[in-house]
Amino acid sequence: MTFITVKQASELLGFSEKYIRKLVFLKKIPYFKPLGGKILFDQEELERLVRASRVASNEDLAEKADALLNSGGRR
């Protein structure tokens, strides 16, 4: 597990440090705050969060629709 700071998280995600802190305040992203000190993030966890929020392209959706139609509605 690799811990990163607010500054490193902002660079990784492409957001300002202020916006990262806002996400922390709103509890929109997972973080650690050992002994009430610095805010830290698990880098791998942030990367998984980004991957999990992928938006499918029109091509991806068309392929899924074709597969569903060709399977007779069975998944």
Protein backbone atom coordinates (compact mmCIF):
# COMPACT_ATOMS: atom_id res chain seq x y z
CA MET A 1 0.00 0.00 0.00
CA THR A 2 1.37 3.37 -1.02
CA PHE A 3 0.13 6.45 0.81
CA ILE A 4 0.08 9.80 -0.97
CA THR A 5 -0.59 13.36 0.17
CA VAL A 6 -3.29 15.80 -0.92
CA LYS A 7 -0.79 17.41 -3.30
CA GLN A 8 0.14 14.06 -4.86
CA ALA A 9 -3.55 13.06 -5.12
CA SER A 10 -4.32 16.33 -6.90
CA GLU A 11 -1.53 15.64 -9.40
CA LEU A 12 -2.66 12.04 -9.90
CA LEU A 13 -6.32 12.93 -10.44
CA GLY A 14 -5.79 16.26 -12.20
CA PHE A 15 -7.79 18.30 -9.67
CA SER A 16 -6.73 21.25 -7.53
CA GLU A 17 -5.68 20.62 -3.93
CA LYS A 18 -8.65 22.75 -2.86
CA TYR A 19 -11.06 20.46 -4.75
CA ILE A 20 -9.43 17.34 -3.26
CA ARG A 21 -9.94 18.80 0.23
CA LYS A 22 -13.58 19.55 -0.65
CA LEU A 23 -14.07 15.92 -1.74
CA VAL A 24 -12.58 14.83 1.60
CA PHE A 25 -14.87 17.18 3.53
CA LEU A 26 -17.89 15.83 1.64
CA LYS A 27 -16.59 12.27 2.17
CA LYS A 28 -16.71 11.64 -1.60
CA ILE A 29 -13.29 9.97 -1.67
CA PRO A 30 -11.75 7.57 0.85
CA TYR A 31 -8.89 8.89 2.97
CA PHE A 32 -6.87 8.31 6.11
CA LYS A 33 -6.10 10.83 8.83
CA PRO A 34 -3.80 9.09 11.31
CA LEU A 35 -3.93 10.62 14.78
CA GLY A 36 -5.76 13.66 13.42
CA GLY A 37 -2.76 14.63 11.32
CA LYS A 38 -2.21 14.91 7.59
CA ILE A 39 -4.79 13.65 5.13
CA LEU A 40 -3.44 10.63 3.26
CA PHE A 41 -4.80 8.49 0.46
CA ASP A 42 -4.14 4.94 -0.67
CA GLN A 43 -2.92 5.49 -4.25
CA GLU A 44 -4.23 2.14 -5.50
CA GLU A 45 -7.65 2.87 -3.98
CA LEU A 46 -7.86 6.21 -5.82
CA GLU A 47 -6.85 4.51 -9.07
CA ARG A 48 -9.59 1.88 -8.56
CA LEU A 49 -12.09 4.66 -7.89
CA VAL A 50 -11.22 6.27 -11.22
CA ARG A 51 -11.43 2.97 -13.10
CA ALA A 52 -14.80 2.15 -11.52
CA SER A 53 -16.30 5.40 -12.79
CA ARG A 54 -15.56 4.69 -16.45
CA VAL A 55 -18.26 5.86 -18.86
CA ALA A 56 -18.85 3.46 -21.75
CA SER A 57 -18.37 4.76 -25.28
CA ASN A 58 -21.11 4.55 -27.91
CA GLU A 59 -19.14 1.72 -29.51
CA ASP A 60 -19.06 -0.21 -26.20
CA LEU A 61 -22.80 0.26 -25.78
CA ALA A 62 -23.51 -0.83 -29.37
CA GLU A 63 -21.44 -4.00 -28.86
CA LYS A 64 -23.34 -4.81 -25.65
CA ALA A 65 -26.67 -4.19 -27.38
CA ASP A 66 -25.69 -6.44 -30.31
CA ALA A 67 -24.56 -9.18 -27.95
CA LEU A 68 -27.80 -8.95 -25.99
CA LEU A 69 -29.96 -9.01 -29.11
CA ASN A 70 -28.01 -11.93 -30.61
CA SER A 71 -28.34 -13.94 -27.39
CA GLY A 72 -32.13 -13.73 -27.52
CA GLY A 73 -32.23 -11.55 -24.41
CA ARG A 74 -30.16 -13.94 -22.26
CA ARG A 75 -27.18 -12.41 -20.54
